[in-house]
């Protein structure tokens, strides 16, 4: 626990100033974080980042991460959208399976493409959310952190019924609901300090959905690690695992806030 707290404080001290600064420094930091996340994901499948297939996947990630303004400039400059460029990389990856005579297979290519989408779209929305306003990023972090903390402590205190033992044996139903309740309380306090929603009804509804989706994002990462028989996605953050272990919920919550038109 001590190691987890120290790591969390150091990460907080490094990440929050970048969120506050925003702009190009924040965007470049997200690119770096996403690159590490992609490296962790590819490694589960036995794909090295510094290979032809790994670098092609990274290029797809770079394209998908392009902020909307940069994507527009790219389209105006070369006549292609970032989605068209990403699809071109998919075709190159599939062609590469033929060139290497299935040393890198269709299954590998599918994993690479889905991995680039999973990491790329989630972190793209982190960049876009910051452009709309720092308050939305803070709101998402409040939902995720209080859900995680509430689920952990309430689950340890009164948790008896397992939520999904085949995927994450330590999570409980009581912790699941405790996490949602904690997020509601925290975001209502946040609303009192900095109004982010039009009213409390909207705030509570969005918070409930975001808390549930955040916990689903955590379970997706747990399912992925269980399938590939790894304990943590990486070792970058002692006591916490890797980048994907810490950002799994955020990769689900931020796109959701845009889909619900809560951000904007």
Protein backbone atom coordinates (compact mmCIF):
# COMPACT_ATOMS: atom_id res chain seq x y z
CA UNK A 1 0.00 0.00 0.00
CA UNK A 2 2.85 2.39 0.89
CA UNK A 3 4.47 1.84 -2.50
CA UNK A 4 1.14 2.39 -4.27
CA UNK A 5 0.61 5.70 -2.46
CA UNK A 6 4.14 6.97 -3.19
CA UNK A 7 3.85 6.05 -6.87
CA UNK A 8 0.40 7.66 -7.09
CA UNK A 9 1.70 10.90 -5.57
CA UNK A 10 4.66 11.04 -7.96
CA UNK A 11 2.44 10.30 -10.97
CA UNK A 12 -0.05 12.91 -9.76
CA UNK A 13 2.71 15.50 -9.41
CA UNK A 14 3.91 14.82 -12.97
CA UNK A 15 0.57 14.44 -14.75
CA UNK A 16 -1.58 17.18 -13.19
CA UNK A 17 0.75 20.08 -14.13
CA UNK A 18 0.61 18.89 -17.75
CA UNK A 19 -3.20 18.82 -17.57
CA UNK A 20 -3.12 22.38 -16.21
CA UNK A 21 -0.74 23.60 -18.93
CA UNK A 22 -2.65 21.92 -21.76
CA UNK A 23 -1.77 22.75 -25.35
CA UNK A 24 1.17 21.17 -27.14
CA UNK A 25 3.01 19.95 -23.97
CA UNK A 26 -0.10 18.05 -22.86
CA UNK A 27 -0.69 16.61 -26.34
CA UNK A 28 2.91 15.41 -26.61
CA UNK A 29 2.68 13.88 -23.14
CA UNK A 30 -0.46 11.99 -24.16
CA UNK A 31 1.34 10.73 -27.27
CA UNK A 32 4.16 9.43 -25.06
CA UNK A 33 1.76 7.79 -22.59
CA UNK A 34 -0.25 6.21 -25.43
CA UNK A 35 2.95 4.86 -26.99
CA UNK A 36 3.85 3.11 -23.73
CA UNK A 37 0.29 1.76 -23.52
CA UNK A 38 0.52 0.37 -27.06
CA UNK A 39 3.90 -1.20 -26.24
CA UNK A 40 2.36 -2.93 -23.21
CA UNK A 41 -0.57 -4.19 -25.24
CA UNK A 42 1.49 -5.52 -28.15
CA UNK A 43 3.86 -7.25 -25.75
CA UNK A 44 0.96 -9.37 -24.42
CA UNK A 45 0.59 -10.80 -27.93
CA UNK A 46 4.33 -11.23 -28.40
CA UNK A 47 4.61 -8.36 -30.89
CA UNK A 48 7.62 -6.11 -30.37
CA UNK A 49 7.13 -2.40 -30.94
CA UNK A 50 10.50 -2.01 -32.69
CA UNK A 51 9.62 -4.30 -35.60
CA UNK A 52 8.01 -3.54 -38.95
CA UNK A 53 4.58 -4.64 -37.71
CA UNK A 54 5.04 -2.87 -34.39
CA UNK A 55 6.10 0.40 -36.01
CA UNK A 56 3.23 0.25 -38.50
CA UNK A 57 0.83 -0.19 -35.59
CA UNK A 58 2.45 2.76 -33.84
CA UNK A 59 2.03 4.91 -36.97
CA UNK A 60 -1.66 3.99 -36.95
CA UNK A 61 -1.77 5.07 -33.30
CA UNK A 62 -0.09 8.39 -34.13
CA UNK A 63 -2.66 9.03 -36.86
CA UNK A 64 -5.62 8.15 -34.64
CA UNK A 65 -4.34 10.42 -31.88
CA UNK A 66 -4.25 13.49 -34.13
CA UNK A 67 -6.40 16.20 -32.51
CA UNK A 68 -9.35 17.36 -34.62
CA UNK A 69 -7.63 20.61 -35.61
CA UNK A 70 -4.50 18.76 -36.73
CA UNK A 71 -6.65 16.24 -38.59
CA UNK A 72 -8.34 19.07 -40.49
CA UNK A 73 -4.98 20.58 -41.40
CA UNK A 74 -3.75 17.18 -42.56
CA UNK A 75 -6.81 16.75 -44.78
CA UNK A 76 -6.35 20.21 -46.27
CA UNK A 77 -2.63 19.55 -46.87
CA UNK A 78 -2.65 16.08 -48.44
CA UNK A 79 -6.31 15.48 -49.27
CA UNK A 80 -6.76 12.47 -46.99
CA UNK A 81 -8.51 12.15 -43.65
CA UNK A 82 -6.85 10.43 -40.75
CA UNK A 83 -9.36 7.57 -40.99
CA UNK A 84 -8.32 7.00 -44.62
CA UNK A 85 -4.66 6.99 -43.60
CA UNK A 86 -5.36 4.57 -40.75
CA UNK A 87 -7.19 2.25 -43.15
CA UNK A 88 -4.24 2.39 -45.54
CA UNK A 89 -2.03 1.15 -42.69
CA UNK A 90 -4.49 -1.71 -42.09
CA UNK A 91 -4.09 -2.76 -45.74
CA UNK A 92 -0.31 -2.56 -45.42
CA UNK A 93 -0.39 -4.75 -42.31
CA UNK A 94 -2.50 -7.32 -44.12
CA UNK A 95 -0.12 -7.23 -47.09
CA UNK A 96 2.78 -7.71 -44.70
CA UNK A 97 1.29 -11.05 -43.57
CA UNK A 98 1.84 -12.28 -47.14
CA UNK A 99 5.36 -10.86 -47.41
CA UNK A 100 6.51 -12.65 -44.25
CA UNK A 101 4.61 -15.85 -45.16
CA UNK A 102 2.34 -15.78 -42.11
CA UNK A 103 5.12 -15.28 -39.57
CA UNK A 104 2.93 -12.30 -38.76
CA UNK A 105 -0.59 -13.64 -39.26
CA UNK A 106 -4.07 -12.24 -39.84
CA UNK A 107 -4.73 -12.77 -36.12
CA UNK A 108 -1.68 -10.66 -35.28
CA UNK A 109 -2.83 -7.94 -37.69
CA UNK A 110 -6.32 -7.96 -36.18
CA UNK A 111 -4.82 -7.61 -32.70
CA UNK A 112 -2.61 -4.75 -33.88
CA UNK A 113 -5.52 -2.88 -35.47
CA UNK A 114 -7.85 -3.34 -32.51
CA UNK A 115 -5.03 -2.42 -30.14
CA UNK A 116 -4.34 0.82 -32.03
CA UNK A 117 -8.07 1.63 -31.95
CA UNK A 118 -8.44 0.78 -28.25
CA UNK A 119 -5.48 2.86 -27.15
CA UNK A 120 -5.70 5.51 -29.86
CA UNK A 121 -9.38 6.42 -29.58
CA UNK A 122 -9.33 6.51 -25.80
CA UNK A 123 -6.30 8.79 -25.60
CA UNK A 124 -7.56 10.87 -28.54
CA UNK A 125 -10.56 11.77 -26.44
CA UNK A 126 -8.25 12.70 -23.57
CA UNK A 127 -6.63 15.28 -25.86
CA UNK A 128 -9.99 16.48 -27.18
CA UNK A 129 -11.54 16.70 -23.72
CA UNK A 130 -8.71 18.95 -22.53
CA UNK A 131 -9.31 21.22 -25.53
CA UNK A 132 -12.94 21.65 -24.46
CA UNK A 133 -11.92 22.56 -20.93
CA UNK A 134 -9.85 21.34 -18.02
CA UNK A 135 -12.98 20.98 -15.88
CA UNK A 136 -14.14 18.02 -17.99
CA UNK A 137 -10.82 16.21 -17.52
CA UNK A 138 -10.99 16.87 -13.77
CA UNK A 139 -14.59 15.63 -13.67
CA UNK A 140 -13.62 12.38 -15.43
CA UNK A 141 -10.69 11.87 -13.07
CA UNK A 142 -12.91 12.51 -10.04
CA UNK A 143 -15.43 9.91 -11.27
CA UNK A 144 -12.74 7.32 -11.93
CA UNK A 145 -10.64 7.86 -8.81
CA UNK A 146 -13.58 7.98 -6.41
CA UNK A 147 -15.22 4.98 -8.08
CA UNK A 148 -11.97 3.03 -7.79
CA UNK A 149 -11.36 4.07 -4.17
CA UNK A 150 -14.98 3.58 -3.11
CA UNK A 151 -15.17 0.16 -4.71
CA UNK A 152 -11.89 -0.89 -3.08
CA UNK A 153 -12.60 0.25 0.48
CA UNK A 154 -16.31 -0.61 0.57
CA UNK A 155 -15.60 -3.95 -1.08
CA UNK A 156 -12.97 -4.76 1.55
CA UNK A 157 -15.24 -3.65 4.37
CA UNK A 158 -18.59 -5.24 3.50
CA UNK A 159 -18.03 -7.05 0.20
CA UNK A 160 -19.27 -10.65 0.22
CA UNK A 161 -20.73 -11.41 -3.22
CA UNK A 162 -18.25 -11.69 -6.09
CA UNK A 163 -18.94 -9.42 -9.06
CA UNK A 164 -17.17 -11.40 -11.78
CA UNK A 165 -14.82 -13.97 -10.25
CA UNK A 166 -13.77 -15.49 -13.61
CA UNK A 167 -12.37 -12.13 -14.68
CA UNK A 168 -11.47 -10.27 -11.49
CA UNK A 169 -11.80 -12.42 -8.35
CA UNK A 170 -11.31 -9.56 -5.88
CA UNK A 171 -14.15 -7.34 -7.09
CA UNK A 172 -17.49 -7.55 -5.29
CA UNK A 173 -21.05 -6.46 -6.04
CA UNK A 174 -21.04 -4.35 -2.89
CA UNK A 175 -17.86 -2.65 -4.05
CA UNK A 176 -19.40 -2.05 -7.48
CA UNK A 177 -22.33 -0.15 -5.99
CA UNK A 178 -20.10 1.49 -3.40
CA UNK A 179 -17.93 2.88 -6.17
CA UNK A 180 -20.96 4.38 -7.92
CA UNK A 181 -22.23 5.94 -4.67
CA UNK A 182 -18.78 7.39 -3.93
CA UNK A 183 -18.59 8.92 -7.41
CA UNK A 184 -22.04 10.52 -7.02
CA UNK A 185 -21.09 12.13 -3.70
CA UNK A 186 -17.75 13.38 -5.04
CA UNK A 187 -19.16 14.82 -8.27
CA UNK A 188 -22.01 16.55 -6.42
CA UNK A 189 -19.37 18.28 -4.26
CA UNK A 190 -17.46 19.12 -7.45
CA UNK A 191 -20.66 20.58 -8.95
CA UNK A 192 -21.05 22.82 -5.90
CA UNK A 193 -17.50 24.16 -6.35
CA UNK A 194 -17.42 24.25 -10.15
CA UNK A 195 -20.79 23.74 -11.91
CA UNK A 196 -20.18 21.44 -14.87
CA UNK A 197 -23.69 20.14 -15.58
CA UNK A 198 -26.89 22.06 -16.26
CA UNK A 199 -28.49 20.53 -13.15
CA UNK A 200 -27.94 17.83 -10.55
CA UNK A 201 -30.26 15.33 -12.25
CA UNK A 202 -28.11 15.38 -15.39
CA UNK A 203 -24.96 15.24 -13.29
CA UNK A 204 -26.09 12.19 -11.30
CA UNK A 205 -27.30 10.30 -14.39
CA UNK A 206 -24.05 10.93 -16.29
CA UNK A 207 -21.98 10.07 -13.22
CA UNK A 208 -23.80 6.77 -12.71
CA UNK A 209 -23.30 5.78 -16.35
CA UNK A 210 -19.67 6.96 -16.33
CA UNK A 211 -18.93 5.07 -13.10
CA UNK A 212 -20.41 1.86 -14.50
CA UNK A 213 -18.57 2.23 -17.82
CA UNK A 214 -15.33 3.01 -15.99
CA UNK A 215 -15.63 -0.20 -14.01
CA UNK A 216 -16.36 -2.08 -17.25
CA UNK A 217 -13.17 -0.61 -18.71
CA UNK A 218 -11.29 -1.98 -15.70
CA UNK A 219 -12.88 -5.40 -16.24
CA UNK A 220 -11.98 -5.36 -19.93
CA UNK A 221 -8.33 -4.81 -19.02
CA UNK A 222 -8.57 -7.60 -16.42
CA UNK A 223 -10.07 -9.96 -19.01
CA UNK A 224 -7.30 -9.10 -21.45
CA UNK A 225 -4.57 -9.78 -18.90
CA UNK A 226 -6.21 -13.00 -17.77
CA UNK A 227 -6.47 -14.21 -21.37
CA UNK A 228 -2.79 -13.55 -22.01
CA UNK A 229 -1.80 -14.74 -18.52
CA UNK A 230 -0.08 -11.58 -17.31
CA UNK A 231 -0.46 -10.03 -13.86
CA UNK A 232 0.06 -6.41 -14.91
CA UNK A 233 0.21 -4.69 -18.28
CA UNK A 234 3.65 -3.33 -17.36
CA UNK A 235 6.02 -2.32 -14.57
CA UNK A 236 6.34 1.41 -15.21
CA UNK A 237 4.33 2.34 -12.10
CA UNK A 238 5.51 0.31 -9.06
CA UNK A 239 2.55 -0.95 -7.09
CA UNK A 240 0.14 -0.01 -9.89
CA UNK A 241 1.41 -1.96 -12.89
CA UNK A 242 1.59 -0.30 -16.27
CA UNK A 243 -0.02 2.55 -18.16
CA UNK A 244 -3.00 0.45 -19.25
CA UNK A 245 -3.58 -0.64 -15.65
CA UNK A 246 -3.99 3.01 -14.63
CA UNK A 247 -5.76 4.40 -17.69
CA UNK A 248 -8.11 1.48 -18.48
CA UNK A 249 -11.16 3.22 -17.03
CA UNK A 250 -10.28 6.58 -18.59
CA UNK A 251 -10.07 4.99 -22.05
CA UNK A 252 -13.76 4.09 -21.69
CA UNK A 253 -15.09 7.08 -19.75
CA UNK A 254 -13.77 9.92 -21.91
CA UNK A 255 -15.29 8.68 -25.21
CA UNK A 256 -18.55 8.09 -23.31
CA UNK A 257 -18.70 11.72 -22.14
CA UNK A 258 -18.44 12.82 -25.77
CA UNK A 259 -20.98 10.26 -26.98
CA UNK A 260 -23.42 11.55 -24.36
CA UNK A 261 -22.66 15.14 -25.49
CA UNK A 262 -21.74 15.96 -21.91
CA UNK A 263 -18.46 17.48 -23.11
CA UNK A 264 -18.78 20.46 -25.39
